[in-house]
Protein backbone atom coordinates (compact mmCIF):
# COMPACT_ATOMS: atom_id res chain seq x y z
CA MET A 1 -54.31 38.16 -11.81
CA ASP A 2 -56.43 35.96 -9.53
CA GLU A 3 -59.48 38.14 -10.18
CA LYS A 4 -58.98 37.83 -13.93
CA ILE A 5 -58.55 34.07 -13.75
CA SER A 6 -61.68 33.71 -11.62
CA TYR A 7 -63.60 35.75 -14.18
CA LEU A 8 -62.42 33.64 -17.11
CA LYS A 9 -63.10 30.35 -15.34
CA ALA A 10 -66.61 31.46 -14.48
CA LYS A 11 -67.28 32.51 -18.07
CA ASP A 12 -65.79 29.55 -19.94
CA GLU A 13 -65.92 25.99 -18.61
CA ARG A 14 -63.55 24.65 -21.26
CA LEU A 15 -60.97 27.34 -20.66
CA ALA A 16 -61.32 26.76 -16.93
CA LYS A 17 -60.16 23.17 -17.38
CA VAL A 18 -57.14 24.34 -19.32
CA ILE A 19 -56.29 26.96 -16.70
CA ASP A 20 -56.46 24.32 -13.97
CA ALA A 21 -54.22 21.99 -15.98
CA ILE A 22 -51.60 24.68 -16.63
CA GLY A 23 -51.67 26.59 -13.38
CA ASP A 24 -50.12 30.02 -12.92
CA LEU A 25 -48.47 31.68 -15.87
CA LYS A 26 -45.06 33.30 -15.74
CA ILE A 27 -45.39 36.60 -17.57
CA HIS A 28 -42.15 37.81 -19.16
CA GLU A 29 -41.72 41.57 -19.25
CA PHE A 30 -40.21 43.09 -22.37
CA THR A 31 -38.47 46.44 -22.02
CA ASP A 32 -37.09 47.28 -25.47
CA SER A 33 -39.65 48.11 -28.16
CA PHE A 34 -37.14 48.14 -30.98
CA ARG A 35 -35.68 44.74 -30.16
CA PHE A 36 -39.14 43.28 -29.63
CA LEU A 37 -40.35 44.44 -33.04
CA VAL A 38 -37.19 43.28 -34.78
CA TYR A 39 -37.62 39.81 -33.30
CA GLU A 40 -41.28 39.77 -34.29
CA ILE A 41 -40.38 40.68 -37.87
CA VAL A 42 -37.80 37.88 -37.87
CA GLY A 43 -40.41 35.41 -36.62
CA GLN A 44 -43.22 36.29 -39.04
CA MET A 45 -44.62 33.13 -40.67
CA LEU A 46 -41.94 30.93 -39.08
CA SER A 47 -42.01 28.19 -36.47
CA SER A 48 -40.71 29.13 -33.03
CA SER A 49 -37.68 26.86 -33.46
CA VAL A 50 -36.60 28.47 -36.75
CA ARG A 51 -37.31 31.91 -35.30
CA ASP A 52 -35.07 31.22 -32.31
CA VAL A 53 -32.20 30.09 -34.54
CA LEU A 54 -32.40 33.23 -36.66
CA ILE A 55 -32.61 35.48 -33.61
CA SER A 56 -29.52 33.81 -32.13
CA ARG A 57 -27.65 34.46 -35.38
CA LEU A 58 -28.80 38.08 -35.41
CA GLU A 59 -27.69 38.57 -31.80
CA LEU A 60 -24.28 37.15 -32.66
CA LEU A 61 -24.05 39.46 -35.67
CA CYS A 62 -24.76 42.43 -33.38
CA ALA A 63 -22.38 41.26 -30.62
CA HIS A 64 -25.43 40.45 -28.47
CA ASP A 65 -26.62 44.06 -28.50
CA VAL A 66 -29.48 44.44 -30.97
CA ASN A 67 -30.32 48.12 -31.17
CA PRO A 68 -30.91 50.72 -33.92
CA GLN A 69 -27.22 51.61 -34.09
CA THR A 70 -25.87 48.07 -34.39
CA ILE A 71 -28.53 47.20 -36.97
CA SER A 72 -28.02 50.33 -39.04
CA ILE A 73 -24.38 49.53 -39.85
CA LEU A 74 -25.41 46.22 -41.39
CA ARG A 75 -26.24 45.65 -45.04
CA ILE A 76 -29.03 43.58 -46.51
CA GLU A 77 -26.35 41.10 -47.57
CA ASP A 78 -25.27 40.67 -43.94
CA LEU A 79 -28.81 39.86 -42.84
CA ARG A 80 -29.41 37.63 -45.82
CA ARG A 81 -26.27 35.68 -44.91
CA ILE A 82 -27.75 34.63 -41.54
CA GLY A 83 -30.91 33.35 -43.21
CA LEU A 84 -33.29 36.28 -43.30
CA SER A 85 -35.30 36.96 -46.44
CA ASN A 86 -34.63 40.02 -48.55
CA SER A 87 -37.90 41.63 -47.47
CA LYS A 88 -37.37 41.02 -43.74
CA SER A 89 -33.81 42.34 -44.01
CA SER A 90 -35.14 45.48 -45.65
CA PHE A 91 -37.89 45.90 -43.04
CA ILE A 92 -35.42 45.60 -40.14
CA LEU A 93 -32.99 48.11 -41.64
CA ASN A 94 -35.86 50.51 -42.35
CA LEU A 95 -37.09 50.20 -38.76
CA SER A 96 -33.66 51.12 -37.42
CA GLN A 97 -33.49 54.18 -39.67
CA LEU A 98 -36.91 55.39 -38.57
CA VAL A 99 -35.86 55.19 -34.94
CA LEU A 100 -32.50 56.87 -35.51
CA GLU A 101 -34.17 59.66 -37.49
CA HIS A 102 -36.75 60.11 -34.70
CA GLN A 103 -39.62 59.32 -37.03
CA LEU A 104 -40.79 56.55 -34.73
CA ASP A 105 -41.48 57.32 -31.08
CA PHE A 106 -42.11 54.24 -28.97
CA SER A 107 -42.50 56.26 -25.76
CA SER A 108 -45.84 57.62 -26.94
CA LEU A 109 -47.42 54.20 -27.56
CA SER A 110 -48.21 53.44 -23.94
CA GLU A 111 -50.58 56.42 -23.86
CA MET A 112 -52.47 55.37 -26.99
CA THR A 113 -55.56 53.20 -27.28
CA ASP A 114 -55.14 49.71 -28.72
CA GLN A 115 -56.42 50.81 -32.12
CA GLU A 116 -54.20 53.88 -32.14
CA VAL A 117 -51.17 51.68 -31.45
CA VAL A 118 -52.13 49.38 -34.31
CA ASN A 119 -52.63 52.30 -36.68
CA TYR A 120 -49.31 53.85 -35.67
CA LEU A 121 -47.23 50.69 -36.03
CA MET A 122 -48.84 49.59 -39.27
CA LYS A 123 -47.46 52.69 -40.97
CA VAL A 124 -44.05 51.01 -40.74
CA LYS A 125 -43.10 48.68 -43.59
CA GLY A 126 -43.10 45.07 -42.45
CA ILE A 127 -45.41 45.64 -39.49
CA GLY A 128 -48.95 44.45 -40.04
CA ILE A 129 -51.91 43.62 -37.83
CA TRP A 130 -50.28 40.42 -36.47
CA THR A 131 -47.09 42.14 -35.34
CA SER A 132 -49.06 45.06 -33.93
CA LYS A 133 -51.24 42.75 -31.88
CA MET A 134 -48.21 40.86 -30.60
CA TYR A 135 -46.86 44.22 -29.42
CA LEU A 136 -50.12 45.02 -27.67
CA LEU A 137 -50.34 41.59 -26.08
CA PHE A 138 -46.78 40.85 -25.06
CA PHE A 139 -45.03 44.23 -24.84
CA LEU A 140 -47.68 46.67 -23.68
CA ARG A 141 -49.54 43.84 -21.93
CA ARG A 142 -52.96 45.23 -22.75
CA ASP A 143 -55.82 43.30 -21.18
CA ASP A 144 -58.23 42.72 -24.04
CA VAL A 145 -56.30 41.59 -27.13
CA LEU A 146 -57.63 38.70 -29.22
CA PRO A 147 -54.98 37.56 -31.74
CA VAL A 148 -57.32 35.92 -34.25
CA GLU A 149 -54.72 36.51 -36.99
CA ASP A 150 -52.18 34.24 -35.31
CA VAL A 151 -51.84 30.65 -36.54
CA ALA A 152 -50.70 29.35 -33.14
CA PHE A 153 -53.69 30.92 -31.40
CA LEU A 154 -56.07 29.49 -34.01
CA GLN A 155 -54.59 26.03 -33.57
CA ALA A 156 -55.21 26.13 -29.83
CA PHE A 157 -58.69 27.60 -30.31
CA LYS A 158 -59.70 24.80 -32.67
CA TRP A 159 -58.53 22.26 -30.13
CA LEU A 160 -60.34 23.93 -27.25
CA TYR A 161 -63.69 24.04 -29.02
CA GLY A 162 -63.34 21.03 -31.31
CA MET A 163 -63.70 23.04 -34.50
CA LYS A 164 -61.97 22.37 -37.82
CA ASN A 165 -62.35 25.56 -39.84
CA PRO A 166 -64.12 28.23 -37.79
CA SER A 167 -64.70 31.60 -39.42
CA ARG A 168 -63.29 34.74 -37.88
CA LYS A 169 -66.82 35.76 -36.93
CA THR A 170 -67.33 32.46 -35.12
CA ILE A 171 -64.04 32.80 -33.25
CA GLU A 172 -64.76 36.36 -32.17
CA HIS A 173 -68.28 35.42 -31.09
CA ARG A 174 -67.09 32.42 -29.07
CA CYS A 175 -64.30 34.41 -27.42
CA LYS A 176 -66.44 37.44 -26.66
CA LYS A 177 -67.08 36.05 -23.18
CA TRP A 178 -63.35 36.36 -22.42
CA SER A 179 -63.55 40.15 -22.63
CA PRO A 180 -62.24 42.27 -20.92
CA TYR A 181 -59.47 39.72 -20.24
CA SER A 182 -58.97 38.23 -23.69
CA SER A 183 -55.21 38.66 -23.44
CA LEU A 184 -54.91 36.38 -20.42
CA ALA A 185 -57.12 33.77 -22.09
CA SER A 186 -54.95 34.01 -25.22
CA ARG A 187 -51.81 33.51 -23.15
CA TYR A 188 -53.31 30.28 -21.82
CA MET A 189 -54.02 29.21 -25.39
CA TYR A 190 -50.38 29.77 -26.31
CA ARG A 191 -49.21 27.96 -23.20
CA ALA A 192 -51.46 24.98 -23.93
CA LEU A 193 -49.83 24.72 -27.33
CA ASP A 194 -46.28 25.21 -26.06
CA THR A 195 -46.60 22.55 -23.36
CA GLY A 196 -48.13 19.98 -25.70
CA LEU A 197 -51.45 20.10 -23.89
CA THR A 198 -53.27 20.45 -27.20
CA LYS A 199 -52.06 16.98 -28.17
CA VAL A 200 -54.41 15.56 -25.55
CA PRO A 201 -58.09 15.36 -26.63
CA ILE A 202 -60.03 18.19 -25.02
CA ASN A 203 -62.61 15.71 -23.79
CA VAL A 204 -60.04 14.32 -21.38
CA PHE A 205 -60.09 17.64 -19.55
CA LEU A 206 -63.83 18.16 -19.82
CA GLU A 207 -64.51 14.81 -18.16
CA ARG A 208 -62.49 15.68 -15.07
């Protein structure tokens, strides 16, 4: 990772300041595609705190073993009772059925290109570009993922560059210099937000 960090710091002075302020990142490894996607569906358009509460309730409902079998025996009413919307409940049950019926093969995804993974996952109801990119970034740990669809990422980006309402084109152009390590840069953006770093004016770091 040192080589990647050195590359990013050389390419982006602002990001370099953030990297120095945060230090090394602890990268969590996910091992269960089904559970990861279920949790991402649960967390769509929700704050991390609300997401964590709902996930805890779901884990309790499944006796702390969230898998296609334990999900498949549930009803929409069961999922609705813990606070999930009707649509998310339906998406999660559908996902479990696809896996149990062998219509969804997670083992093949690691051999696909990023775009192929996105295309494959987006065929599943409830999985869009955001969820697919989260899978690429956090589960498959691909190197060059830029999650421009993610509100949290956008919030950190605006802080880093002092922009109010940048267009997607502007964001992609500004972040182009992060490639081929956009994923690592994005992780630092998330970390800056999680640690409250983005509450400090960016100029404070630039003046150091």
